[in-house]
Amino acid sequence: MKPGARAEQLAAQFLQRHGLTLVQINYHCRFGEIDLILRDQETLVFAEVRQRSSNHFGGAAASIDARKQQRLILTAQHYLASLPRIPPCRFDALLLDAAENIEWLKNAFEL
């Protein structure tokens, strides 16, 4: 199991319990990877999953810096180019701590 796979699995289950439908896990292209792609009714959700064992260096949220956001946006645009029409979209972040508690940041940053 790749590093982070358990966190991604927990995050996917968490989001499904909250009514989202899983579309794809680990979509990758030349620009990068999106951990989870889901549907929240009509909205397509690109979810980044981060787990940190401590809050040193800013914790899980701080690890999604501007460079990482840009790679996620390019990867999402690559995915969207394969669709017949572009639905409303958003980027969410799921932050897990060492105890696997999940913090869900909806619309964590803009496209």
PDB file of N, CA and C in Angstrom:
ATOM      1  N   MET A   1       0.860  -1.190   0.000  1.00  0.00           N
ATOM      2  CA  MET A   1       0.000   0.000   0.000  1.00  0.00           C
ATOM      3  C   MET A   1       0.897   1.240   0.000  1.00  0.00           C
ATOM      4  N   LYS A   2       0.632   2.170  -0.924  1.00  0.00           N
ATOM      5  CA  LYS A   2       1.468   3.365  -1.032  1.00  0.00           C
ATOM      6  C   LYS A   2       1.275   4.269   0.180  1.00  0.00           C
ATOM      7  N   PRO A   3       2.303   5.060   0.512  1.00  0.00           N
ATOM      8  CA  PRO A   3       2.151   5.994   1.636  1.00  0.00           C
ATOM      9  C   PRO A   3       0.944   6.906   1.391  1.00  0.00           C
ATOM     10  N   GLY A   4       0.150   7.075   2.381  1.00  0.00           N
ATOM     11  CA  GLY A   4      -1.020   7.932   2.240  1.00  0.00           C
ATOM     12  C   GLY A   4      -2.270   7.204   1.782  1.00  0.00           C
ATOM     13  N   ALA A   5      -2.135   5.947   1.365  1.00  0.00           N
ATOM     14  CA  ALA A   5      -3.297   5.209   0.863  1.00  0.00           C
ATOM     15  C   ALA A   5      -4.353   5.016   1.953  1.00  0.00           C
ATOM     16  N   ARG A   6      -3.911   4.748   3.175  1.00  0.00           N
ATOM     17  CA  ARG A   6      -4.882   4.588   4.266  1.00  0.00           C
ATOM     18  C   ARG A   6      -5.627   5.902   4.509  1.00  0.00           C
ATOM     19  N   ALA A   7      -4.911   7.012   4.510  1.00  0.00           N
ATOM     20  CA  ALA A   7      -5.541   8.320   4.711  1.00  0.00           C
ATOM     21  C   ALA A   7      -6.550   8.594   3.597  1.00  0.00           C
ATOM     22  N   GLU A   8      -6.191   8.260   2.360  1.00  0.00           N
ATOM     23  CA  GLU A   8      -7.106   8.458   1.228  1.00  0.00           C
ATOM     24  C   GLU A   8      -8.347   7.586   1.375  1.00  0.00           C
ATOM     25  N   GLN A   9      -8.154   6.351   1.806  1.00  0.00           N
ATOM     26  CA  GLN A   9      -9.283   5.438   2.012  1.00  0.00           C
ATOM     27  C   GLN A   9     -10.212   5.965   3.106  1.00  0.00           C
ATOM     28  N   LEU A  10      -9.636   6.420   4.213  1.00  0.00           N
ATOM     29  CA  LEU A  10     -10.443   6.978   5.310  1.00  0.00           C
ATOM     30  C   LEU A  10     -11.195   8.226   4.847  1.00  0.00           C
ATOM     31  N   ALA A  11     -10.513   9.080   4.090  1.00  0.00           N
ATOM     32  CA  ALA A  11     -11.140  10.306   3.589  1.00  0.00           C
ATOM     33  C   ALA A  11     -12.278   9.986   2.630  1.00  0.00           C
ATOM     34  N   ALA A  12     -12.071   9.014   1.735  1.00  0.00           N
ATOM     35  CA  ALA A  12     -13.122   8.627   0.789  1.00  0.00           C
ATOM     36  C   ALA A  12     -14.348   8.097   1.534  1.00  0.00           C
ATOM     37  N   GLN A  13     -14.125   7.257   2.519  1.00  0.00           N
ATOM     38  CA  GLN A  13     -15.238   6.716   3.313  1.00  0.00           C
ATOM     39  C   GLN A  13     -15.962   7.834   4.063  1.00  0.00           C
ATOM     40  N   PHE A  14     -15.203   8.765   4.623  1.00  0.00           N
ATOM     41  CA  PHE A  14     -15.771   9.907   5.342  1.00  0.00           C
ATOM     42  C   PHE A  14     -16.679  10.718   4.415  1.00  0.00           C
ATOM     43  N   LEU A  15     -16.175  11.032   3.216  1.00  0.00           N
ATOM     44  CA  LEU A  15     -16.955  11.838   2.276  1.00  0.00           C
ATOM     45  C   LEU A  15     -18.190  11.083   1.779  1.00  0.00           C
ATOM     46  N   GLN A  16     -18.068   9.796   1.566  1.00  0.00           N
ATOM     47  CA  GLN A  16     -19.214   9.004   1.143  1.00  0.00           C
ATOM     48  C   GLN A  16     -20.282   8.976   2.240  1.00  0.00           C
ATOM     49  N   ARG A  17     -19.865   8.914   3.495  1.00  0.00           N
ATOM     50  CA  ARG A  17     -20.833   8.975   4.610  1.00  0.00           C
ATOM     51  C   ARG A  17     -21.542  10.332   4.640  1.00  0.00           C
ATOM     52  N   HIS A  18     -20.904  11.354   4.077  1.00  0.00           N
ATOM     53  CA  HIS A  18     -21.496  12.692   4.024  1.00  0.00           C
ATOM     54  C   HIS A  18     -22.222  12.945   2.698  1.00  0.00           C
ATOM     55  N   GLY A  19     -22.487  11.887   1.941  1.00  0.00           N
ATOM     56  CA  GLY A  19     -23.341  11.988   0.767  1.00  0.00           C
ATOM     57  C   GLY A  19     -22.653  12.197  -0.564  1.00  0.00           C
ATOM     58  N   LEU A  20     -21.335  12.256  -0.596  1.00  0.00           N
ATOM     59  CA  LEU A  20     -20.628  12.413  -1.866  1.00  0.00           C
ATOM     60  C   LEU A  20     -20.462  11.044  -2.524  1.00  0.00           C
ATOM     61  N   THR A  21     -20.348  11.046  -3.845  1.00  0.00           N
ATOM     62  CA  THR A  21     -20.173   9.818  -4.617  1.00  0.00           C
ATOM     63  C   THR A  21     -18.757   9.791  -5.170  1.00  0.00           C
ATOM     64  N   LEU A  22     -18.054   8.709  -4.902  1.00  0.00           N
ATOM     65  CA  LEU A  22     -16.679   8.572  -5.383  1.00  0.00           C
ATOM     66  C   LEU A  22     -16.667   8.324  -6.888  1.00  0.00           C
ATOM     67  N   VAL A  23     -15.882   9.113  -7.606  1.00  0.00           N
ATOM     68  CA  VAL A  23     -15.733   8.973  -9.057  1.00  0.00           C
ATOM     69  C   VAL A  23     -14.412   8.284  -9.383  1.00  0.00           C
ATOM     70  N   GLN A  24     -13.329   8.739  -8.758  1.00  0.00           N
ATOM     71  CA  GLN A  24     -12.013   8.174  -9.057  1.00  0.00           C
ATOM     72  C   GLN A  24     -11.050   8.431  -7.907  1.00  0.00           C
ATOM     73  N   ILE A  25     -10.145   7.471  -7.720  1.00  0.00           N
ATOM     74  CA  ILE A  25      -9.062   7.603  -6.736  1.00  0.00           C
ATOM     75  C   ILE A  25      -7.754   7.730  -7.504  1.00  0.00           C
ATOM     76  N   ASN A  26      -6.900   8.644  -7.074  1.00  0.00           N
ATOM     77  CA  ASN A  26      -5.548   8.811  -7.621  1.00  0.00           C
ATOM     78  C   ASN A  26      -5.528   9.016  -9.132  1.00  0.00           C
ATOM     79  N   TYR A  27      -6.199  10.070  -9.571  1.00  0.00           N
ATOM     80  CA  TYR A  27      -6.115  10.454 -10.987  1.00  0.00           C
ATOM     81  C   TYR A  27      -4.770  11.121 -11.197  1.00  0.00           C
ATOM     82  N   HIS A  28      -3.989  10.604 -12.136  1.00  0.00           N
ATOM     83  CA  HIS A  28      -2.740  11.300 -12.426  1.00  0.00           C
ATOM     84  C   HIS A  28      -2.520  11.498 -13.910  1.00  0.00           C
ATOM     85  N   CYS A  29      -1.784  12.572 -14.169  1.00  0.00           N
ATOM     86  CA  CYS A  29      -1.374  12.939 -15.514  1.00  0.00           C
ATOM     87  C   CYS A  29       0.001  13.582 -15.379  1.00  0.00           C
ATOM     88  N   ARG A  30       0.502  14.152 -16.451  1.00  0.00           N
ATOM     89  CA  ARG A  30       1.860  14.720 -16.422  1.00  0.00           C
ATOM     90  C   ARG A  30       2.002  15.896 -15.454  1.00  0.00           C
ATOM     91  N   PHE A  31       0.890  16.512 -15.068  1.00  0.00           N
ATOM     92  CA  PHE A  31       0.960  17.678 -14.177  1.00  0.00           C
ATOM     93  C   PHE A  31       1.011  17.298 -12.708  1.00  0.00           C
ATOM     94  N   GLY A  32       0.450  16.146 -12.370  1.00  0.00           N
ATOM     95  CA  GLY A  32       0.416  15.749 -10.977  1.00  0.00           C
ATOM     96  C   GLY A  32      -0.675  14.727 -10.719  1.00  0.00           C
ATOM     97  N   GLU A  33      -1.104  14.663  -9.472  1.00  0.00           N
ATOM     98  CA  GLU A  33      -2.103  13.692  -9.052  1.00  0.00           C
ATOM     99  C   GLU A  33      -3.160  14.354  -8.188  1.00  0.00           C
ATOM    100  N   ILE A  34      -4.393  13.907  -8.370  1.00  0.00           N
ATOM    101  CA  ILE A  34      -5.495  14.307  -7.487  1.00  0.00           C
ATOM    102  C   ILE A  34      -5.891  13.060  -6.716  1.00  0.00           C
ATOM    103  N   ASP A  35      -5.904  13.182  -5.393  1.00  0.00           N
ATOM    104  CA  ASP A  35      -6.160  12.016  -4.548  1.00  0.00           C
ATOM    105  C   ASP A  35      -7.548  11.422  -4.788  1.00  0.00           C
ATOM    106  N   LEU A  36      -8.571  12.274  -4.720  1.00  0.00           N
ATOM    107  CA  LEU A  36      -9.954  11.799  -4.861  1.00  0.00           C
ATOM    108  C   LEU A  36     -10.738  12.739  -5.758  1.00  0.00           C
ATOM    109  N   ILE A  37     -11.553  12.172  -6.624  1.00  0.00           N
ATOM    110  CA  ILE A  37     -12.507  12.950  -7.398  1.00  0.00           C
ATOM    111  C   ILE A  37     -13.877  12.399  -7.043  1.00  0.00           C
ATOM    112  N   LEU A  38     -14.779  13.305  -6.640  1.00  0.00           N
ATOM    113  CA  LEU A  38     -16.097  12.902  -6.171  1.00  0.00           C
ATOM    114  C   LEU A  38     -17.167  13.813  -6.749  1.00  0.00           C
ATOM    115  N   ARG A  39     -18.406  13.409  -6.580  1.00  0.00           N
ATOM    116  CA  ARG A  39     -19.550  14.258  -6.939  1.00  0.00           C
ATOM    117  C   ARG A  39     -20.299  14.612  -5.663  1.00  0.00           C
ATOM    118  N   ASP A  40     -20.593  15.889  -5.530  1.00  0.00           N
ATOM    119  CA  ASP A  40     -21.447  16.393  -4.451  1.00  0.00           C
ATOM    120  C   ASP A  40     -22.653  16.992  -5.154  1.00  0.00           C
ATOM    121  N   GLN A  41     -23.646  16.159  -5.397  1.00  0.00           N
ATOM    122  CA  GLN A  41     -24.799  16.487  -6.237  1.00  0.00           C
ATOM    123  C   GLN A  41     -24.296  16.845  -7.633  1.00  0.00           C
ATOM    124  N   GLU A  42     -24.442  18.084  -8.068  1.00  0.00           N
ATOM    125  CA  GLU A  42     -24.007  18.471  -9.416  1.00  0.00           C
ATOM    126  C   GLU A  42     -22.560  18.962  -9.463  1.00  0.00           C
ATOM    127  N   THR A  43     -21.945  19.102  -8.312  1.00  0.00           N
ATOM    128  CA  THR A  43     -20.587  19.660  -8.241  1.00  0.00           C
ATOM    129  C   THR A  43     -19.542  18.556  -8.260  1.00  0.00           C
ATOM    130  N   LEU A  44     -18.516  18.744  -9.082  1.00  0.00           N
ATOM    131  CA  LEU A  44     -17.386  17.834  -9.111  1.00  0.00           C
ATOM    132  C   LEU A  44     -16.376  18.332  -8.076  1.00  0.00           C
ATOM    133  N   VAL A  45     -15.958  17.440  -7.198  1.00  0.00           N
ATOM    134  CA  VAL A  45     -15.061  17.804  -6.102  1.00  0.00           C
ATOM    135  C   VAL A  45     -13.706  17.132  -6.301  1.00  0.00           C
ATOM    136  N   PHE A  46     -12.663  17.949  -6.347  1.00  0.00           N
ATOM    137  CA  PHE A  46     -11.295  17.458  -6.387  1.00  0.00           C
ATOM    138  C   PHE A  46     -10.771  17.566  -4.954  1.00  0.00           C
ATOM    139  N   ALA A  47     -10.453  16.422  -4.350  1.00  0.00           N
ATOM    140  CA  ALA A  47     -10.077  16.421  -2.934  1.00  0.00           C
ATOM    141  C   ALA A  47      -8.613  16.051  -2.752  1.00  0.00           C
ATOM    142  N   GLU A  48      -7.923  16.872  -2.001  1.00  0.00           N
ATOM    143  CA  GLU A  48      -6.537  16.620  -1.613  1.00  0.00           C
ATOM    144  C   GLU A  48      -6.552  16.107  -0.174  1.00  0.00           C
ATOM    145  N   VAL A  49      -5.902  14.973   0.052  1.00  0.00           N
ATOM    146  CA  VAL A  49      -5.864  14.353   1.374  1.00  0.00           C
ATOM    147  C   VAL A  49      -4.456  14.520   1.930  1.00  0.00           C
ATOM    148  N   ARG A  50      -4.383  15.039   3.139  1.00  0.00           N
ATOM    149  CA  ARG A  50      -3.083  15.243   3.785  1.00  0.00           C
ATOM    150  C   ARG A  50      -3.144  14.718   5.207  1.00  0.00           C
ATOM    151  N   GLN A  51      -2.112  13.980   5.585  1.00  0.00           N
ATOM    152  CA  GLN A  51      -2.005  13.512   6.961  1.00  0.00           C
ATOM    153  C   GLN A  51      -0.647  13.916   7.491  1.00  0.00           C
ATOM    154  N   ARG A  52      -0.649  14.425   8.692  1.00  0.00           N
ATOM    155  CA  ARG A  52       0.586  14.816   9.354  1.00  0.00           C
ATOM    156  C   ARG A  52       0.586  14.229  10.758  1.00  0.00           C
ATOM    157  N   SER A  53       1.748  13.765  11.172  1.00  0.00           N
ATOM    158  CA  SER A  53       1.863  13.183  12.509  1.00  0.00           C
ATOM    159  C   SER A  53       1.975  14.249  13.592  1.00  0.00           C
ATOM    160  N   SER A  54       2.307  15.479  13.188  1.00  0.00           N
ATOM    161  CA  SER A  54       2.388  16.566  14.161  1.00  0.00           C
ATOM    162  C   SER A  54       2.099  17.889  13.463  1.00  0.00           C
ATOM    163  N   ASN A  55       1.981  18.947  14.245  1.00  0.00           N
ATOM    164  CA  ASN A  55       1.732  20.274  13.688  1.00  0.00           C
ATOM    165  C   ASN A  55       3.023  21.056  13.459  1.00  0.00           C
ATOM    166  N   HIS A  56       4.168  20.392  13.595  1.00  0.00           N
ATOM    167  CA  HIS A  56       5.428  21.054  13.271  1.00  0.00           C
ATOM    168  C   HIS A  56       5.392  21.446  11.799  1.00  0.00           C
ATOM    169  N   PHE A  57       5.982  22.530  11.460  1.00  0.00           N
ATOM    170  CA  PHE A  57       6.020  23.031  10.081  1.00  0.00           C
ATOM    171  C   PHE A  57       4.631  23.379   9.558  1.00  0.00           C
ATOM    172  N   GLY A  58       3.672  23.686  10.447  1.00  0.00           N
ATOM    173  CA  GLY A  58       2.373  24.172  10.021  1.00  0.00           C
ATOM    174  C   GLY A  58       1.287  23.140   9.874  1.00  0.00           C
ATOM    175  N   GLY A  59       1.568  21.885  10.055  1.00  0.00           N
ATOM    176  CA  GLY A  59       0.532  20.862   9.967  1.00  0.00           C
ATOM    177  C   GLY A  59       0.133  20.549   8.534  1.00  0.00           C
ATOM    178  N   ALA A  60      -0.947  19.791   8.401  1.00  0.00           N
ATOM    179  CA  ALA A  60      -1.377  19.281   7.098  1.00  0.00           C
ATOM    180  C   ALA A  60      -1.812  20.396   6.146  1.00  0.00           C
ATOM    181  N   ALA A  61      -2.548  21.384   6.641  1.00  0.00           N
ATOM    182  CA  ALA A  61      -3.058  22.448   5.765  1.00  0.00           C
ATOM    183  C   ALA A  61      -1.922  23.252   5.143  1.00  0.00           C
ATOM    184  N   ALA A  62      -0.874  23.501   5.914  1.00  0.00           N
ATOM    185  CA  ALA A  62       0.244  24.309   5.419  1.00  0.00           C
ATOM    186  C   ALA A  62       0.995  23.609   4.289  1.00  0.00           C
ATOM    187  N   SER A  63       0.836  22.292   4.177  1.00  0.00           N
ATOM    188  CA  SER A  63       1.559  21.562   3.133  1.00  0.00           C
ATOM    189  C   SER A  63       0.927  21.736   1.752  1.00  0.00           C
ATOM    190  N   ILE A  64      -0.259  22.332   1.689  1.00  0.00           N
ATOM    191  CA  ILE A  64      -0.906  22.597   0.396  1.00  0.00           C
ATOM    192  C   ILE A  64      -0.591  24.053   0.020  1.00  0.00           C
ATOM    193  N   ASP A  65       0.653  24.264  -0.375  1.00  0.00           N
ATOM    194  CA  ASP A  65       1.124  25.611  -0.677  1.00  0.00           C
ATOM    195  C   ASP A  65       0.706  26.034  -2.084  1.00  0.00           C
ATOM    196  N   ALA A  66       1.098  27.226  -2.484  1.00  0.00           N
ATOM    197  CA  ALA A  66       0.690  27.774  -3.794  1.00  0.00           C
ATOM    198  C   ALA A  66       1.178  26.900  -4.946  1.00  0.00           C
ATOM    199  N   ARG A  67       2.378  26.353  -4.844  1.00  0.00           N
ATOM    200  CA  ARG A  67       2.893  25.490  -5.909  1.00  0.00           C
ATOM    201  C   ARG A  67       2.062  24.215  -6.027  1.00  0.00           C
ATOM    202  N   LYS A  68       1.717  23.623  -4.881  1.00  0.00           N
ATOM    203  CA  LYS A  68       0.886  22.413  -4.881  1.00  0.00           C
ATOM    204  C   LYS A  68      -0.498  22.738  -5.432  1.00  0.00           C
ATOM    205  N   GLN A  69      -1.063  23.865  -5.051  1.00  0.00           N
ATOM    206  CA  GLN A  69      -2.374  24.274  -5.567  1.00  0.00           C
ATOM    207  C   GLN A  69      -2.329  24.409  -7.086  1.00  0.00           C
ATOM    208  N   GLN A  70      -1.278  24.995  -7.623  1.00  0.00           N
ATOM    209  CA  GLN A  70      -1.159  25.167  -9.073  1.00  0.00           C
ATOM    210  C   GLN A  70      -1.106  23.823  -9.781  1.00  0.00           C
ATOM    211  N   ARG A  71      -0.363  22.871  -9.228  1.00  0.00           N
ATOM    212  CA  ARG A  71      -0.310  21.524  -9.825  1.00  0.00           C
ATOM    213  C   ARG A  71      -1.676  20.847  -9.773  1.00  0.00           C
ATOM    214  N   LEU A  72      -2.393  21.021  -8.679  1.00  0.00           N
ATOM    215  CA  LEU A  72      -3.742  20.446  -8.568  1.00  0.00           C
ATOM    216  C   LEU A  72      -4.687  21.062  -9.596  1.00  0.00           C
ATOM    217  N   ILE A  73      -4.589  22.356  -9.779  1.00  0.00           N
ATOM    218  CA  ILE A  73      -5.440  23.048 -10.754  1.00  0.00           C
ATOM    219  C   ILE A  73      -5.152  22.539 -12.162  1.00  0.00           C
ATOM    220  N   LEU A  74      -3.874  22.429 -12.526  1.00  0.00           N
ATOM    221  CA  LEU A  74      -3.515  21.927 -13.862  1.00  0.00           C
ATOM    222  C   LEU A  74      -3.995  20.491 -14.062  1.00  0.00           C
ATOM    223  N   THR A  75      -3.868  19.676 -13.034  1.00  0.00           N
ATOM    224  CA  THR A  75      -4.322  18.285 -13.116  1.00  0.00           C
ATOM    225  C   THR A  75      -5.844  18.227 -13.256  1.00  0.00           C
ATOM    226  N   ALA A  76      -6.549  19.059 -12.514  1.00  0.00           N
ATOM    227  CA  ALA A  76      -8.013  19.115 -12.619  1.00  0.00           C
ATOM    228  C   ALA A  76      -8.434  19.577 -14.011  1.00  0.00           C
ATOM    229  N   GLN A  77      -7.747  20.569 -14.556  1.00  0.00           N
ATOM    230  CA  GLN A  77      -8.071  21.040 -15.907  1.00  0.00           C
ATOM    231  C   GLN A  77      -7.846  19.936 -16.934  1.00  0.00           C
ATOM    232  N   HIS A  78      -6.806  19.146 -16.745  1.00  0.00           N
ATOM    233  CA  HIS A  78      -6.542  18.010 -17.627  1.00  0.00           C
ATOM    234  C   HIS A  78      -7.700  17.013 -17.544  1.00  0.00           C
ATOM    235  N   TYR A  79      -8.160  16.720 -16.348  1.00  0.00           N
ATOM    236  CA  TYR A  79      -9.289  15.803 -16.161  1.00  0.00           C
ATOM    237  C   TYR A  79     -10.555  16.372 -16.809  1.00  0.00           C
ATOM    238  N   LEU A  80     -10.821  17.635 -16.562  1.00  0.00           N
ATOM    239  CA  LEU A  80     -12.032  18.275 -17.097  1.00  0.00           C
ATOM    240  C   LEU A  80     -12.048  18.285 -18.624  1.00  0.00           C
ATOM    241  N   ALA A  81     -10.881  18.349 -19.244  1.00  0.00           N
ATOM    242  CA  ALA A  81     -10.807  18.366 -20.713  1.00  0.00           C
ATOM    243  C   ALA A  81     -11.340  17.071 -21.326  1.00  0.00           C
ATOM    244  N   SER A  82     -11.408  16.000 -20.527  1.00  0.00           N
ATOM    245  CA  SER A  82     -11.906  14.719 -21.038  1.00  0.00           C
ATOM    246  C   SER A  82     -13.425  14.589 -20.926  1.00  0.00           C
ATOM    247  N   LEU A  83     -14.072  15.551 -20.289  1.00  0.00           N
ATOM    248  CA  LEU A  83     -15.520  15.484 -20.074  1.00  0.00           C
ATOM    249  C   LEU A  83     -16.274  16.185 -21.199  1.00  0.00           C
ATOM    250  N   PRO A  84     -17.487  15.716 -21.504  1.00  0.00           N
ATOM    251  CA  PRO A  84     -18.274  16.367 -22.558  1.00  0.00           C
ATOM    252  C   PRO A  84     -18.716  17.780 -22.182  1.00  0.00           C
ATOM    253  N   ARG A  85     -18.928  18.019 -20.890  1.00  0.00           N
ATOM    254  CA  ARG A  85     -19.253  19.371 -20.417  1.00  0.00           C
ATOM    255  C   ARG A  85     -18.626  19.554 -19.045  1.00  0.00           C
ATOM    256  N   ILE A  86     -18.288  20.780 -18.734  1.00  0.00           N
ATOM    257  CA  ILE A  86     -17.616  21.052 -17.460  1.00  0.00           C
ATOM    258  C   ILE A  86     -18.657  21.425 -16.409  1.00  0.00           C
ATOM    259  N   PRO A  87     -18.760  20.614 -15.355  1.00  0.00           N
ATOM    260  CA  PRO A  87     -19.707  20.893 -14.284  1.00  0.00           C
ATOM    261  C   PRO A  87     -19.120  21.939 -13.316  1.00  0.00           C
ATOM    262  N   PRO A  88     -19.949  22.435 -12.398  1.00  0.00           N
ATOM    263  CA  PRO A  88     -19.384  23.267 -11.331  1.00  0.00           C
ATOM    264  C   PRO A  88     -18.342  22.427 -10.581  1.00  0.00           C
ATOM    265  N   CYS A  89     -17.260  23.056 -10.157  1.00  0.00           N
ATOM    266  CA  CYS A  89     -16.165  22.330  -9.496  1.00  0.00           C
ATOM    267  C   CYS A  89     -15.731  23.058  -8.236  1.00  0.00           C
ATOM    268  N   ARG A  90     -15.094  22.297  -7.350  1.00  0.00           N
ATOM    269  CA  ARG A  90     -14.451  22.915  -6.192  1.00  0.00           C
ATOM    270  C   ARG A  90     -13.300  22.021  -5.731  1.00  0.00           C
ATOM    271  N   PHE A  91     -12.395  22.614  -4.991  1.00  0.00           N
ATOM    272  CA  PHE A  91     -11.269  21.899  -4.396  1.00  0.00           C
ATOM    273  C   PHE A  91     -11.488  21.837  -2.891  1.00  0.00           C
ATOM    274  N   ASP A  92     -11.507  20.624  -2.358  1.00  0.00           N
ATOM    275  CA  ASP A  92     -11.618  20.422  -0.922  1.00  0.00           C
ATOM    276  C   ASP A  92     -10.303  19.848  -0.407  1.00  0.00           C
ATOM    277  N   ALA A  93     -10.051  20.043   0.876  1.00  0.00           N
ATOM    278  CA  ALA A  93      -8.899  19.434   1.526  1.00  0.00           C
ATOM    279  C   ALA A  93      -9.403  18.634   2.718  1.00  0.00           C
ATOM    280  N   LEU A  94      -8.879  17.442   2.860  1.00  0.00           N
ATOM    281  CA  LEU A  94      -9.191  16.606   4.018  1.00  0.00           C
ATOM    282  C   LEU A  94      -7.902  16.415   4.783  1.00  0.00           C
ATOM    283  N   LEU A  95      -7.900  16.908   6.004  1.00  0.00           N
ATOM    284  CA  LEU A  95      -6.695  16.937   6.820  1.00  0.00           C
ATOM    285  C   LEU A  95      -6.845  15.945   7.958  1.00  0.00           C
ATOM    286  N   LEU A  96      -5.926  15.005   8.040  1.00  0.00           N
ATOM    287  CA  LEU A  96      -5.956  13.994   9.076  1.00  0.00           C
ATOM    288  C   LEU A  96      -4.793  14.211  10.026  1.00  0.00           C
ATOM    289  N   ASP A  97      -5.066  14.040  11.310  1.00  0.00           N
ATOM    290  CA  ASP A  97      -3.989  14.128  12.294  1.00  0.00           C
ATOM    291  C   ASP A  97      -3.497  12.719  12.620  1.00  0.00           C
ATOM    292  N   ALA A  98      -2.588  12.609  13.553  1.00  0.00           N
ATOM    293  CA  ALA A  98      -1.996  11.311  13.893  1.00  0.00           C
ATOM    294  C   ALA A  98      -3.041  10.322  14.404  1.00  0.00           C
ATOM    295  N   ALA A  99      -4.107  10.824  15.018  1.00  0.00           N
ATOM    296  CA  ALA A  99      -5.174   9.957  15.536  1.00  0.00           C
ATOM    297  C   ALA A  99      -6.237   9.665  14.477  1.00  0.00           C
ATOM    298  N   GLU A 100      -5.993  10.108  13.245  1.00  0.00           N
ATOM    299  CA  GLU A 100      -6.883   9.909  12.104  1.00  0.00           C
ATOM    300  C   GLU A 100      -8.216  10.647  12.245  1.00  0.00           C
ATOM    301  N   ASN A 101      -8.204  11.748  13.010  1.00  0.00           N
ATOM    302  CA  ASN A 101      -9.350  12.659  13.027  1.00  0.00           C
ATOM    303  C   ASN A 101      -9.315  13.438  11.728  1.00  0.00           C
ATOM    304  N   ILE A 102     -10.497  13.666  11.139  1.00  0.00           N
ATOM    305  CA  ILE A 102     -10.559  14.320   9.834  1.00  0.00           C
ATOM    306  C   ILE A 102     -11.168  15.707   9.952  1.00  0.00           C
ATOM    307  N   GLU A 103     -10.459  16.686   9.386  1.00  0.00           N
ATOM    308  CA  GLU A 103     -10.988  18.041   9.236  1.00  0.00           C
ATOM    309  C   GLU A 103     -11.248  18.246   7.745  1.00  0.00           C
ATOM    310  N   TRP A 104     -12.481  18.626   7.398  1.00  0.00           N
ATOM    311  CA  TRP A 104     -12.885  18.781   5.997  1.00  0.00           C
ATOM    312  C   TRP A 104     -12.986  20.262   5.673  1.00  0.00           C
ATOM    313  N   LEU A 105     -12.120  20.727   4.806  1.00  0.00           N
ATOM    314  CA  LEU A 105     -12.156  22.121   4.358  1.00  0.00           C
ATOM    315  C   LEU A 105     -12.786  22.161   2.978  1.00  0.00           C
ATOM    316  N   LYS A 106     -14.060  22.561   2.922  1.00  0.00           N
ATOM    317  CA  LYS A 106     -14.738  22.671   1.637  1.00  0.00           C
ATOM    318  C   LYS A 106     -14.256  23.944   0.935  1.00  0.00           C
ATOM    319  N   ASN A 107     -14.102  23.837  -0.385  1.00  0.00           N
ATOM    320  CA  ASN A 107     -13.687  24.982  -1.184  1.00  0.00           C
ATOM    321  C   ASN A 107     -12.409  25.595  -0.610  1.00  0.00           C
ATOM    322  N   ALA A 108     -11.403  24.739  -0.418  1.00  0.00           N
ATOM    323  CA  ALA A 108     -10.153  25.140   0.235  1.00  0.00           C
ATOM    324  C   ALA A 108      -9.387  26.206  -0.540  1.00  0.00           C
ATOM    325  N   PHE A 109      -9.517  26.182  -1.879  1.00  0.00           N
ATOM    326  CA  PHE A 109      -8.920  27.225  -2.719  1.00  0.00           C
ATOM    327  C   PHE A 109      -9.668  27.263  -4.039  1.00  0.00           C
ATOM    328  N   GLU A 110      -9.455  28.314  -4.804  1.00  0.00           N
ATOM    329  CA  GLU A 110     -10.222  28.551  -6.037  1.00  0.00           C
ATOM    330  C   GLU A 110      -9.489  28.050  -7.269  1.00  0.00           C
ATOM    331  N   LEU A 111     -10.272  27.683  -8.278  1.00  0.00           N
ATOM    332  CA  LEU A 111      -9.740  27.245  -9.562  1.00  0.00           C
ATOM    333  C   LEU A 111      -9.171  28.409 -10.316  1.00  0.00           C
TER     334      LEU A 111
END
